[in-house]
C-alpha atoms as a PDB file:
ATOM      1  CA  MET A   1     -10.999-186.599 -73.767  1.00  0.00           C
ATOM      2  CA  LEU A   2      -9.988-183.684 -71.646  1.00  0.00           C
ATOM      3  CA  GLN A   3     -11.061-183.554 -68.354  1.00  0.00           C
ATOM      4  CA  THR A   4     -12.158-179.973 -67.861  1.00  0.00           C
ATOM      5  CA  ASP A   5     -12.378-179.828 -63.968  1.00  0.00           C
ATOM      6  CA  THR A   6      -8.677-180.774 -63.143  1.00  0.00           C
ATOM      7  CA  ILE A   7      -6.165-178.053 -62.133  1.00  0.00           C
ATOM      8  CA  LYS A   8      -4.068-179.370 -64.854  1.00  0.00           C
ATOM      9  CA  TYR A   9      -6.523-178.067 -67.472  1.00  0.00           C
ATOM     10  CA  LYS A  10      -6.666-174.932 -65.681  1.00  0.00           C
ATOM     11  CA  LEU A  11      -2.863-174.554 -66.032  1.00  0.00           C
ATOM     12  CA  GLU A  12      -3.146-175.418 -69.747  1.00  0.00           C
ATOM     13  CA  GLN A  13      -5.809-172.976 -70.198  1.00  0.00           C
ATOM     14  CA  ARG A  14      -3.968-170.219 -68.201  1.00  0.00           C
ATOM     15  CA  GLU A  15      -0.838-170.808 -71.178  1.00  0.00           C
ATOM     16  CA  ILE A  16      -3.392-170.645 -73.975  1.00  0.00           C
ATOM     17  CA  ASN A  17      -4.778-167.475 -72.713  1.00  0.00           C
ATOM     18  CA  ASN A  18      -1.540-165.793 -71.263  1.00  0.00           C
ATOM     19  CA  LEU A  19       1.140-166.776 -73.229  1.00  0.00           C
ATOM     20  CA  SER A  20       2.547-165.451 -76.393  1.00  0.00           C
ATOM     21  CA  GLU A  21       1.441-166.554 -79.554  1.00  0.00           C
ATOM     22  CA  TYR A  22       4.951-168.028 -80.131  1.00  0.00           C
ATOM     23  CA  ALA A  23       5.018-169.946 -77.039  1.00  0.00           C
ATOM     24  CA  THR A  24       4.736-173.713 -76.532  1.00  0.00           C
ATOM     25  CA  LYS A  25       1.725-174.566 -74.865  1.00  0.00           C
ATOM     26  CA  SER A  26       1.873-178.061 -72.839  1.00  0.00           C
ATOM     27  CA  ARG A  27      -1.665-179.161 -74.409  1.00  0.00           C
ATOM     28  CA  PHE A  28      -0.588-179.100 -77.696  1.00  0.00           C
ATOM     29  CA  SER A  29       2.885-180.827 -76.919  1.00  0.00           C
ATOM     30  CA  ALA A  30       4.013-183.536 -79.397  1.00  0.00           C
ATOM     31  CA  GLY A  31       3.628-185.975 -76.517  1.00  0.00           C
ATOM     32  CA  ARG A  32       5.849-188.908 -75.020  1.00  0.00           C
ATOM     33  CA  LYS A  33       7.533-191.873 -76.796  1.00  0.00           C
ATOM     34  CA  ASN A  34       5.320-194.104 -74.327  1.00  0.00           C
ATOM     35  CA  ALA A  35       1.818-193.201 -73.544  1.00  0.00           C
ATOM     36  CA  GLU A  36       1.265-192.695 -69.485  1.00  0.00           C
ATOM     37  CA  ASP A  37      -1.652-191.961 -67.211  1.00  0.00           C
ATOM     38  CA  GLU A  38      -2.111-188.120 -67.067  1.00  0.00           C
ATOM     39  CA  CYS A  39      -1.280-186.243 -63.711  1.00  0.00           C
ATOM     40  CA  THR A  40      -4.607-184.091 -62.768  1.00  0.00           C
ATOM     41  CA  LEU A  41      -2.401-181.564 -60.933  1.00  0.00           C
ATOM     42  CA  ARG A  42       0.748-180.664 -63.420  1.00  0.00           C
ATOM     43  CA  THR A  43       1.118-180.054 -66.933  1.00  0.00           C
ATOM     44  CA  ASP A  44       3.516-182.327 -68.932  1.00  0.00           C
ATOM     45  CA  PHE A  45       6.453-179.842 -68.897  1.00  0.00           C
ATOM     46  CA  GLN A  46       5.846-179.285 -65.187  1.00  0.00           C
ATOM     47  CA  ARG A  47       6.120-183.106 -64.777  1.00  0.00           C
ATOM     48  CA  ASP A  48       9.228-183.299 -66.956  1.00  0.00           C
ATOM     49  CA  ARG A  49      11.071-180.593 -64.588  1.00  0.00           C
ATOM     50  CA  ASP A  50      10.067-182.451 -61.284  1.00  0.00           C
ATOM     51  CA  ARG A  51      10.939-185.822 -63.032  1.00  0.00           C
ATOM     52  CA  ILE A  52      14.648-184.406 -63.787  1.00  0.00           C
ATOM     53  CA  LEU A  53      14.957-182.449 -60.569  1.00  0.00           C
ATOM     54  CA  HIS A  54      14.493-185.958 -58.853  1.00  0.00           C
ATOM     55  CA  SER A  55      16.834-187.966 -61.079  1.00  0.00           C
ATOM     56  CA  LYS A  56      19.972-189.505 -59.825  1.00  0.00           C
ATOM     57  CA  ALA A  57      21.839-187.777 -62.659  1.00  0.00           C
ATOM     58  CA  PHE A  58      20.508-184.499 -61.391  1.00  0.00           C
ATOM     59  CA  ARG A  59      21.989-184.954 -57.945  1.00  0.00           C
ATOM     60  CA  ARG A  60      25.447-185.780 -59.148  1.00  0.00           C
ATOM     61  CA  LEU A  61      26.226-182.637 -60.749  1.00  0.00           C
ATOM     62  CA  LYS A  62      26.883-181.208 -57.626  1.00  0.00           C
ATOM     63  CA  HIS A  63      30.301-183.328 -57.485  1.00  0.00           C
ATOM     64  CA  LYS A  64      31.127-182.471 -61.174  1.00  0.00           C
ATOM     65  CA  THR A  65      33.572-179.842 -62.397  1.00  0.00           C
ATOM     66  CA  GLN A  66      32.516-176.786 -64.012  1.00  0.00           C
ATOM     67  CA  VAL A  67      35.615-175.225 -64.966  1.00  0.00           C
ATOM     68  CA  PHE A  68      37.946-175.695 -61.842  1.00  0.00           C
ATOM     69  CA  LEU A  69      38.524-179.385 -60.864  1.00  0.00           C
ATOM     70  CA  SER A  70      37.222-180.223 -57.558  1.00  0.00           C
ATOM     71  CA  PRO A  71      37.777-176.937 -55.825  1.00  0.00           C
ATOM     72  CA  PHE A  72      38.345-176.543 -51.914  1.00  0.00           C
ATOM     73  CA  ASP A  73      36.633-173.260 -51.953  1.00  0.00           C
ATOM     74  CA  ASP A  74      32.978-173.852 -51.743  1.00  0.00           C
ATOM     75  CA  HIS A  75      32.337-170.600 -53.505  1.00  0.00           C
ATOM     76  CA  PHE A  76      33.541-172.061 -57.083  1.00  0.00           C
ATOM     77  CA  ARG A  77      30.920-173.071 -59.524  1.00  0.00           C
ATOM     78  CA  THR A  78      30.168-176.725 -59.908  1.00  0.00           C
ATOM     79  CA  ARG A  79      28.116-178.302 -62.787  1.00  0.00           C
ATOM     80  CA  LEU A  80      24.907-178.264 -60.329  1.00  0.00           C
ATOM     81  CA  THR A  81      25.233-174.438 -59.391  1.00  0.00           C
ATOM     82  CA  HIS A  82      25.900-173.772 -63.263  1.00  0.00           C
ATOM     83  CA  THR A  83      22.729-175.523 -64.001  1.00  0.00           C
ATOM     84  CA  LEU A  84      20.666-173.536 -61.347  1.00  0.00           C
ATOM     85  CA  GLU A  85      22.190-170.321 -62.717  1.00  0.00           C
ATOM     86  CA  VAL A  86      20.993-171.144 -66.259  1.00  0.00           C
ATOM     87  CA  SER A  87      17.680-172.078 -65.235  1.00  0.00           C
ATOM     88  CA  GLN A  88      17.416-168.515 -63.481  1.00  0.00           C
ATOM     89  CA  ILE A  89      18.475-166.687 -66.521  1.00  0.00           C
ATOM     90  CA  ALA A  90      16.266-168.830 -68.874  1.00  0.00           C
ATOM     91  CA  ARG A  91      13.163-168.332 -66.628  1.00  0.00           C
ATOM     92  CA  THR A  92      13.718-164.667 -66.426  1.00  0.00           C
ATOM     93  CA  ILE A  93      13.806-164.363 -70.183  1.00  0.00           C
ATOM     94  CA  ALA A  94      11.048-166.664 -70.742  1.00  0.00           C
ATOM     95  CA  ARG A  95       8.957-164.671 -68.503  1.00  0.00           C
ATOM     96  CA  ALA A  96       9.698-161.358 -69.888  1.00  0.00           C
ATOM     97  CA  LEU A  97       8.913-162.816 -73.143  1.00  0.00           C
ATOM     98  CA  ASP A  98       5.601-164.559 -72.268  1.00  0.00           C
ATOM     99  CA  LEU A  99       7.188-168.195 -73.219  1.00  0.00           C
ATOM    100  CA  ASN A 100       6.439-171.122 -71.443  1.00  0.00           C
ATOM    101  CA  GLU A 101       8.375-171.076 -68.189  1.00  0.00           C
ATOM    102  CA  ASP A 102       8.034-174.694 -67.189  1.00  0.00           C
ATOM    103  CA  LEU A 103       9.332-176.066 -70.467  1.00  0.00           C
ATOM    104  CA  THR A 104      12.295-173.502 -70.346  1.00  0.00           C
ATOM    105  CA  GLU A 105      13.041-174.568 -66.507  1.00  0.00           C
ATOM    106  CA  ALA A 106      13.048-178.432 -67.717  1.00  0.00           C
ATOM    107  CA  ILE A 107      15.345-177.720 -70.369  1.00  0.00           C
ATOM    108  CA  SER A 108      17.747-175.970 -68.247  1.00  0.00           C
ATOM    109  CA  LEU A 109      17.675-178.297 -65.362  1.00  0.00           C
ATOM    110  CA  GLY A 110      18.287-181.307 -67.693  1.00  0.00           C
ATOM    111  CA  HIS A 111      20.694-179.696 -70.357  1.00  0.00           C
ATOM    112  CA  ASP A 112      24.051-181.277 -68.633  1.00  0.00           C
ATOM    113  CA  LEU A 113      22.775-184.424 -67.145  1.00  0.00           C
ATOM    114  CA  GLY A 114      25.254-186.203 -69.633  1.00  0.00           C
ATOM    115  CA  HIS A 115      28.140-184.114 -68.622  1.00  0.00           C
ATOM    116  CA  THR A 116      31.527-185.982 -67.513  1.00  0.00           C
ATOM    117  CA  PRO A 117      33.588-185.799 -64.442  1.00  0.00           C
ATOM    118  CA  PHE A 118      36.428-183.170 -64.913  1.00  0.00           C
ATOM    119  CA  GLY A 119      34.002-180.792 -67.010  1.00  0.00           C
ATOM    120  CA  HIS A 120      35.199-180.248 -70.609  1.00  0.00           C
ATOM    121  CA  CYS A 121      38.465-182.068 -70.020  1.00  0.00           C
ATOM    122  CA  GLY A 122      36.683-185.375 -69.359  1.00  0.00           C
ATOM    123  CA  GLU A 123      34.363-185.265 -72.344  1.00  0.00           C
ATOM    124  CA  GLY A 124      37.520-184.402 -74.482  1.00  0.00           C
ATOM    125  CA  VAL A 125      39.098-187.612 -73.399  1.00  0.00           C
ATOM    126  CA  LEU A 126      36.024-189.706 -74.045  1.00  0.00           C
ATOM    127  CA  ASN A 127      35.511-188.055 -77.501  1.00  0.00           C
ATOM    128  CA  GLU A 128      38.955-189.319 -78.419  1.00  0.00           C
ATOM    129  CA  LEU A 129      38.405-192.959 -77.244  1.00  0.00           C
ATOM    130  CA  VAL A 130      34.884-193.648 -78.271  1.00  0.00           C
ATOM    131  CA  LYS A 131      34.239-194.399 -81.895  1.00  0.00           C
ATOM    132  CA  GLY A 132      31.956-191.741 -83.405  1.00  0.00           C
ATOM    133  CA  GLY A 133      33.110-189.378 -80.565  1.00  0.00           C
ATOM    134  CA  PHE A 134      31.469-188.177 -77.354  1.00  0.00           C
ATOM    135  CA  HIS A 135      29.050-185.101 -76.820  1.00  0.00           C
ATOM    136  CA  HIS A 136      27.672-184.168 -73.489  1.00  0.00           C
ATOM    137  CA  ASN A 137      24.525-183.031 -74.931  1.00  0.00           C
ATOM    138  CA  ILE A 138      23.833-186.277 -76.735  1.00  0.00           C
ATOM    139  CA  GLN A 139      24.870-188.193 -73.506  1.00  0.00           C
ATOM    140  CA  SER A 140      22.289-185.965 -71.694  1.00  0.00           C
ATOM    141  CA  VAL A 141      19.320-187.370 -74.008  1.00  0.00           C
ATOM    142  CA  ARG A 142      20.572-190.756 -73.386  1.00  0.00           C
ATOM    143  CA  VAL A 143      20.446-190.076 -69.822  1.00  0.00           C
ATOM    144  CA  VAL A 144      16.969-189.129 -69.589  1.00  0.00           C
ATOM    145  CA  GLU A 145      15.810-191.396 -72.363  1.00  0.00           C
ATOM    146  CA  VAL A 146      17.801-194.648 -71.678  1.00  0.00           C
ATOM    147  CA  LEU A 147      19.726-194.828 -68.348  1.00  0.00           C
ATOM    148  CA  GLU A 148      16.965-193.068 -66.179  1.00  0.00           C
ATOM    149  CA  LYS A 149      13.966-193.748 -68.447  1.00  0.00           C
ATOM    150  CA  LEU A 150      12.396-190.340 -67.675  1.00  0.00           C
ATOM    151  CA  ASN A 151       9.936-190.707 -70.648  1.00  0.00           C
ATOM    152  CA  LEU A 152      10.061-186.873 -71.081  1.00  0.00           C
ATOM    153  CA  CYS A 153       8.109-184.679 -73.720  1.00  0.00           C
ATOM    154  CA  LYS A 154       9.903-184.350 -77.244  1.00  0.00           C
ATOM    155  CA  GLU A 155      10.070-180.623 -76.779  1.00  0.00           C
ATOM    156  CA  THR A 156      12.187-181.179 -73.530  1.00  0.00           C
ATOM    157  CA  ILE A 157      14.259-183.780 -74.998  1.00  0.00           C
ATOM    158  CA  ASP A 158      14.755-181.207 -78.356  1.00  0.00           C
ATOM    159  CA  GLY A 159      15.878-178.579 -75.928  1.00  0.00           C
ATOM    160  CA  ILE A 160      18.162-180.507 -74.021  1.00  0.00           C
ATOM    161  CA  LEU A 161      19.810-181.764 -77.345  1.00  0.00           C
ATOM    162  CA  THR A 162      20.148-178.394 -78.734  1.00  0.00           C
ATOM    163  CA  HIS A 163      21.437-176.485 -75.843  1.00  0.00           C
ATOM    164  CA  THR A 164      24.888-176.318 -77.613  1.00  0.00           C
ATOM    165  CA  TRP A 165      26.290-174.435 -80.370  1.00  0.00           C
ATOM    166  CA  GLY A 166      25.761-175.899 -83.909  1.00  0.00           C
ATOM    167  CA  TYR A 167      22.223-176.967 -83.415  1.00  0.00           C
ATOM    168  CA  LYS A 168      18.815-175.046 -84.216  1.00  0.00           C
ATOM    169  CA  PRO A 169      16.324-175.477 -81.379  1.00  0.00           C
ATOM    170  CA  LEU A 170      12.470-176.252 -82.376  1.00  0.00           C
ATOM    171  CA  THR A 171      11.170-174.098 -79.741  1.00  0.00           C
ATOM    172  CA  PRO A 172      11.587-170.693 -78.512  1.00  0.00           C
ATOM    173  CA  GLU A 173      12.154-172.060 -75.199  1.00  0.00           C
ATOM    174  CA  ALA A 174      14.942-174.064 -76.202  1.00  0.00           C
ATOM    175  CA  GLN A 175      16.426-170.883 -77.881  1.00  0.00           C
ATOM    176  CA  VAL A 176      16.050-169.147 -74.550  1.00  0.00           C
ATOM    177  CA  VAL A 177      18.105-172.122 -72.814  1.00  0.00           C
ATOM    178  CA  GLN A 178      20.783-172.118 -75.493  1.00  0.00           C
ATOM    179  CA  LEU A 179      21.372-168.371 -75.079  1.00  0.00           C
ATOM    180  CA  ALA A 180      21.105-168.564 -71.096  1.00  0.00           C
ATOM    181  CA  ASP A 181      23.754-171.127 -71.109  1.00  0.00           C
ATOM    182  CA  LYS A 182      26.247-168.982 -72.888  1.00  0.00           C
ATOM    183  CA  VAL A 183      25.216-165.893 -70.839  1.00  0.00           C
ATOM    184  CA  ALA A 184      25.562-168.013 -67.561  1.00  0.00           C
ATOM    185  CA  TYR A 185      29.095-169.490 -67.810  1.00  0.00           C
ATOM    186  CA  ILE A 186      30.785-166.428 -69.453  1.00  0.00           C
ATOM    187  CA  ASN A 187      29.627-164.549 -66.495  1.00  0.00           C
ATOM    188  CA  HIS A 188      30.184-166.870 -63.899  1.00  0.00           C
ATOM    189  CA  ASP A 189      33.401-168.252 -65.129  1.00  0.00           C
ATOM    190  CA  ILE A 190      35.024-164.432 -65.234  1.00  0.00           C
ATOM    191  CA  GLU A 191      33.962-164.459 -61.547  1.00  0.00           C
ATOM    192  CA  ASP A 192      35.693-167.554 -60.527  1.00  0.00           C
ATOM    193  CA  SER A 193      38.590-166.984 -62.638  1.00  0.00           C
ATOM    194  CA  ILE A 194      38.917-163.674 -60.828  1.00  0.00           C
ATOM    195  CA  ARG A 195      38.403-165.316 -57.405  1.00  0.00           C
ATOM    196  CA  ALA A 196      41.198-167.901 -58.387  1.00  0.00           C
ATOM    197  CA  GLY A 197      43.481-165.119 -59.279  1.00  0.00           C
ATOM    198  CA  ILE A 198      43.934-166.154 -62.953  1.00  0.00           C
ATOM    199  CA  ILE A 199      42.682-162.741 -64.317  1.00  0.00           C
ATOM    200  CA  VAL A 200      41.480-159.282 -62.747  1.00  0.00           C
ATOM    201  CA  GLU A 201      38.926-157.290 -64.067  1.00  0.00           C
ATOM    202  CA  SER A 202      41.030-154.964 -66.030  1.00  0.00           C
ATOM    203  CA  ASP A 203      42.256-157.826 -67.968  1.00  0.00           C
ATOM    204  CA  LEU A 204      38.859-158.468 -69.825  1.00  0.00           C
ATOM    205  CA  PRO A 205      38.845-156.683 -73.152  1.00  0.00           C
ATOM    206  CA  LYS A 206      38.141-152.784 -72.799  1.00  0.00           C
ATOM    207  CA  ASP A 207      35.590-152.434 -75.578  1.00  0.00           C
ATOM    208  CA  CYS A 208      33.632-155.456 -73.922  1.00  0.00           C
ATOM    209  CA  ILE A 209      33.788-153.698 -70.703  1.00  0.00           C
ATOM    210  CA  GLU A 210      32.810-150.557 -71.963  1.00  0.00           C
ATOM    211  CA  TYR A 211      29.707-152.123 -73.391  1.00  0.00           C
ATOM    212  CA  PHE A 212      28.612-154.381 -70.667  1.00  0.00           C
ATOM    213  CA  SER A 213      30.345-152.755 -67.507  1.00  0.00           C
ATOM    214  CA  SER A 214      33.048-154.591 -65.427  1.00  0.00           C
ATOM    215  CA  VAL A 215      30.644-155.312 -62.695  1.00  0.00           C
ATOM    216  CA  GLN A 216      29.216-158.835 -62.835  1.00  0.00           C
ATOM    217  CA  SER A 217      25.600-158.025 -61.921  1.00  0.00           C
ATOM    218  CA  LYS A 218      25.531-155.181 -64.593  1.00  0.00           C
ATOM    219  CA  ARG A 219      27.041-157.368 -67.117  1.00  0.00           C
ATOM    220  CA  LEU A 220      24.717-159.955 -66.730  1.00  0.00           C
ATOM    221  CA  ASN A 221      21.547-157.584 -66.494  1.00  0.00           C
ATOM    222  CA  LYS A 222      22.533-156.268 -69.916  1.00  0.00           C
ATOM    223  CA  MET A 223      23.161-159.456 -71.711  1.00  0.00           C
ATOM    224  CA  ILE A 224      19.871-160.650 -70.666  1.00  0.00           C
ATOM    225  CA  ASN A 225      18.020-157.407 -71.210  1.00  0.00           C
ATOM    226  CA  GLU A 226      19.598-157.472 -74.991  1.00  0.00           C
ATOM    227  CA  ILE A 227      17.859-160.613 -75.447  1.00  0.00           C
ATOM    228  CA  VAL A 228      14.655-159.646 -74.149  1.00  0.00           C
ATOM    229  CA  ILE A 229      14.549-156.311 -75.974  1.00  0.00           C
ATOM    230  CA  ASN A 230      15.465-157.720 -79.397  1.00  0.00           C
ATOM    231  CA  SER A 231      12.992-160.633 -79.014  1.00  0.00           C
ATOM    232  CA  THR A 232       9.957-159.164 -77.899  1.00  0.00           C
ATOM    233  CA  GLY A 233       7.284-159.915 -80.246  1.00  0.00           C
ATOM    234  CA  LYS A 234       9.316-162.126 -82.416  1.00  0.00           C
ATOM    235  CA  PRO A 235       9.104-165.726 -83.131  1.00  0.00           C
ATOM    236  CA  GLU A 236      12.840-166.358 -82.660  1.00  0.00           C
ATOM    237  CA  VAL A 237      14.772-165.482 -79.613  1.00  0.00           C
ATOM    238  CA  SER A 238      18.293-163.911 -80.195  1.00  0.00           C
ATOM    239  CA  MET A 239      20.430-161.470 -78.927  1.00  0.00           C
ATOM    240  CA  SER A 240      21.083-157.962 -80.553  1.00  0.00           C
ATOM    241  CA  GLU A 241      23.757-157.934 -82.864  1.00  0.00           C
ATOM    242  CA  GLU A 242      25.995-155.386 -81.252  1.00  0.00           C
ATOM    243  CA  GLY A 243      25.483-157.188 -78.081  1.00  0.00           C
ATOM    244  CA  TRP A 244      26.186-160.637 -79.408  1.00  0.00           C
ATOM    245  CA  HIS A 245      29.347-159.429 -81.024  1.00  0.00           C
ATOM    246  CA  TYR A 246      30.592-158.417 -77.438  1.00  0.00           C
ATOM    247  CA  THR A 247      29.385-161.545 -75.805  1.00  0.00           C
ATOM    248  CA  THR A 248      31.123-163.657 -78.253  1.00  0.00           C
ATOM    249  CA  LYS A 249      34.326-161.577 -78.054  1.00  0.00           C
ATOM    250  CA  LEU A 250      34.216-162.257 -74.304  1.00  0.00           C
ATOM    251  CA  ARG A 251      33.863-165.825 -74.688  1.00  0.00           C
ATOM    252  CA  LYS A 252      36.573-166.083 -77.296  1.00  0.00           C
ATOM    253  CA  TRP A 253      38.655-163.991 -75.021  1.00  0.00           C
ATOM    254  CA  MET A 254      38.009-166.664 -71.848  1.00  0.00           C
ATOM    255  CA  PHE A 255      38.950-169.665 -74.176  1.00  0.00           C
ATOM    256  CA  GLU A 256      42.252-168.074 -74.993  1.00  0.00           C
ATOM    257  CA  ASN A 257      42.899-166.845 -71.365  1.00  0.00           C
ATOM    258  CA  VAL A 258      41.115-169.147 -69.162  1.00  0.00           C
ATOM    259  CA  TYR A 259      39.650-172.330 -70.792  1.00  0.00           C
ATOM    260  CA  THR A 260      43.172-173.379 -72.421  1.00  0.00           C
ATOM    261  CA  ASP A 261      46.508-173.540 -70.969  1.00  0.00           C
ATOM    262  CA  SER A 262      45.914-171.323 -67.852  1.00  0.00           C
ATOM    263  CA  PRO A 263      46.497-172.089 -64.278  1.00  0.00           C
ATOM    264  CA  ALA A 264      42.934-173.411 -64.102  1.00  0.00           C
ATOM    265  CA  LYS A 265      43.726-176.390 -66.442  1.00  0.00           C
ATOM    266  CA  LEU A 266      47.020-177.352 -64.503  1.00  0.00           C
ATOM    267  CA  GLU A 267      45.415-180.508 -63.032  1.00  0.00           C
ATOM    268  CA  GLU A 268      43.784-181.644 -66.440  1.00  0.00           C
ATOM    269  CA  LYS A 269      46.872-183.916 -67.537  1.00  0.00           C
ATOM    270  CA  LYS A 270      46.176-186.027 -64.275  1.00  0.00           C
ATOM    271  CA  ALA A 271      42.382-185.873 -65.012  1.00  0.00           C
ATOM    272  CA  ARG A 272      43.025-187.083 -68.480  1.00  0.00           C
ATOM    273  CA  ASN A 273      44.673-190.064 -67.066  1.00  0.00           C
ATOM    274  CA  VAL A 274      42.330-190.898 -64.692  1.00  0.00           C
ATOM    275  CA  ILE A 275      39.548-191.188 -67.580  1.00  0.00           C
ATOM    276  CA  LYS A 276      41.736-193.088 -69.549  1.00  0.00           C
ATOM    277  CA  GLY A 277      42.786-195.416 -67.103  1.00  0.00           C
ATOM    278  CA  LEU A 278      39.453-196.281 -65.972  1.00  0.00           C
ATOM    279  CA  PHE A 279      38.191-196.449 -69.713  1.00  0.00           C
ATOM    280  CA  TYR A 280      40.927-199.159 -70.575  1.00  0.00           C
ATOM    281  CA  LEU A 281      40.448-200.647 -67.203  1.00  0.00           C
ATOM    282  CA  TYR A 282      36.767-201.424 -67.494  1.00  0.00           C
ATOM    283  CA  THR A 283      36.758-202.465 -71.168  1.00  0.00           C
ATOM    284  CA  GLU A 284      39.080-205.433 -70.238  1.00  0.00           C
ATOM    285  CA  MET A 285      37.154-206.152 -67.199  1.00  0.00           C
ATOM    286  CA  LEU A 286      33.903-206.987 -69.400  1.00  0.00           C
ATOM    287  CA  LYS A 287      35.623-208.541 -72.310  1.00  0.00           C
ATOM    288  CA  PRO A 288      35.184-212.082 -70.544  1.00  0.00           C
ATOM    289  CA  ILE A 289      31.491-211.516 -69.650  1.00  0.00           C
ATOM    290  CA  CYS A 290      30.117-209.171 -72.183  1.00  0.00           C
ATOM    291  CA  GLU A 291      29.484-209.021 -76.105  1.00  0.00           C
ATOM    292  CA  GLU A 292      32.281-207.048 -77.872  1.00  0.00           C
ATOM    293  CA  SER A 293      29.842-204.611 -79.252  1.00  0.00           C
ATOM    294  CA  ARG A 294      28.028-203.591 -76.341  1.00  0.00           C
ATOM    295  CA  ILE A 295      31.704-202.880 -73.987  1.00  0.00           C
ATOM    296  CA  GLU A 296      32.100-199.602 -75.274  1.00  0.00           C
ATOM    297  CA  ARG A 297      28.944-198.270 -74.815  1.00  0.00           C
ATOM    298  CA  ILE A 298      28.638-199.658 -71.273  1.00  0.00           C
ATOM    299  CA  VAL A 299      31.911-198.243 -70.242  1.00  0.00           C
ATOM    300  CA  THR A 300      31.167-194.947 -71.697  1.00  0.00           C
ATOM    301  CA  ASP A 301      27.643-194.843 -70.011  1.00  0.00           C
ATOM    302  CA  TYR A 302      29.524-195.688 -66.606  1.00  0.00           C
ATOM    303  CA  ILE A 303      32.401-193.318 -66.818  1.00  0.00           C
ATOM    304  CA  SER A 304      30.319-190.184 -68.149  1.00  0.00           C
ATOM    305  CA  GLY A 305      28.031-190.682 -65.200  1.00  0.00           C
ATOM    306  CA  MET A 306      31.069-190.493 -62.579  1.00  0.00           C
ATOM    307  CA  THR A 307      31.349-187.673 -60.277  1.00  0.00           C
ATOM    308  CA  ASP A 308      34.891-186.039 -60.175  1.00  0.00           C
ATOM    309  CA  ARG A 309      35.554-187.632 -56.726  1.00  0.00           C
ATOM    310  CA  TYR A 310      34.067-191.036 -57.462  1.00  0.00           C
ATOM    311  CA  ALA A 311      36.404-191.068 -60.630  1.00  0.00           C
ATOM    312  CA  VAL A 312      39.268-190.454 -58.441  1.00  0.00           C
ATOM    313  CA  MET A 313      38.277-193.157 -55.902  1.00  0.00           C
ATOM    314  CA  LYS A 314      37.975-195.681 -58.439  1.00  0.00           C
ATOM    315  CA  PHE A 315      41.226-194.750 -59.867  1.00  0.00           C
ATOM    316  CA  GLU A 316      43.069-195.126 -56.529  1.00  0.00           C
ATOM    317  CA  GLU A 317      41.040-198.140 -55.746  1.00  0.00           C
ATOM    318  CA  ASN A 318      42.670-199.612 -59.015  1.00  0.00           C
ATOM    319  CA  PHE A 319      46.073-198.250 -59.710  1.00  0.00           C
ATOM    320  CA  ILE A 320      47.308-197.003 -56.435  1.00  0.00           C
ATOM    321  CA  PRO A 321      49.145-199.473 -54.395  1.00  0.00           C
ATOM    322  CA  LYS A 322      48.199-199.955 -50.823  1.00  0.00           C
ATOM    323  CA  GLY A 323      50.248-201.201 -47.779  1.00  0.00           C
ATOM    324  CA  LEU A 324      49.414-204.149 -46.080  1.00  0.00           C
ATOM    325  CA  GLN A 325      46.184-203.723 -43.751  1.00  0.00           C
ATOM    326  CA  THR A 326      45.621-205.528 -40.184  1.00  0.00           C
ATOM    327  CA  THR A 327      42.687-205.088 -37.867  1.00  0.00           C
ATOM    328  CA  ALA A 328      44.000-203.122 -34.902  1.00  0.00           C
ATOM    329  CA  LYS A 329      43.308-204.862 -31.666  1.00  0.00           C
ATOM    330  CA  ASP A 330      42.499-203.034 -28.798  1.00  0.00           C
ATOM    331  CA  ASP A 331      44.386-205.380 -26.210  1.00  0.00           C
ATOM    332  CA  TYR A 332      46.498-202.499 -24.847  1.00  0.00           C
ATOM    333  CA  LEU A 333      43.373-200.746 -23.897  1.00  0.00           C
ATOM    334  CA  TYR A 334      42.344-203.638 -21.411  1.00  0.00           C
ATOM    335  CA  LYS A 335      45.956-203.993 -20.451  1.00  0.00           C
ATOM    336  CA  LEU A 336      45.914-200.113 -19.380  1.00  0.00           C
ATOM    337  CA  ALA A 337      42.552-201.028 -17.368  1.00  0.00           C
ATOM    338  CA  LYS A 338      44.302-203.510 -15.386  1.00  0.00           C
ATOM    339  CA  ILE A 339      47.323-201.453 -14.675  1.00  0.00           C
ATOM    340  CA  ILE A 340      45.650-198.208 -13.957  1.00  0.00           C
ATOM    341  CA  ASP A 341      43.351-197.878 -10.909  1.00  0.00           C
END
């Protein structure tokens, strides 16, 4: 029975009264796998957002690679800042289309929780090593369902799973995040690549510059507008055909000039060795104490959850020889105390 005197009820009613007919209303959510007591202050999607924000996996994103491995310059994106930019873009689109901003934000914040250390390089290594492959979106769902047991709504989980290419989201909010993810990384990776000296603005495809502008903020703004204008009053969210043509062209150009065989990837061979070395090491370590059928899953969960620096630390700890360490004594300090008046 609904409690009509709660803040949650008022927020749900506000959604019903004000959001688009195509928006996902929290009161009509398909629910969670496990029943639990209701919160009187927040809608179910707001609770999902908060649970993700307070999760350990979310905090670890600050030390996971976006494109540039463990950058010294603090202005380069990490997996965490990428996630926040996706959230901002997605919320802007959702708000403009009168969709559920809370669900959109929850999906955005959770979409990369399963990403490996060293970005897509790490993902690629695990994909080679693990039977059946490894995909960060599927691992993200595993993080929220199994490893951290967040018990999220089915709509949030669907959005996390389908944020990547090749999946069809069930809600318009998830469609927003799928687009926002692409818009975010194309634009911020261009900016980071220029900062790193790998490319200059004039290198970008001329027709894309003419259509979107070479100015970062203008290009980003136009992409967002292309989505909003093309999707207003429609059940599905998509970019205009022309806008999508130039967006995918920019993405393809980035793959050819930055994401593969560029100076940004010079350290990836070393990163691959770190992941492989740890994978085989932990597999052997578990053999005497664990059922063989469980080992691969345990090792995969452990390594995929690592930050870049933790993975490097564990590799150094296990594979880099150390000299003999002795405890330093302070005898000379006391000798000086006696000698010097």
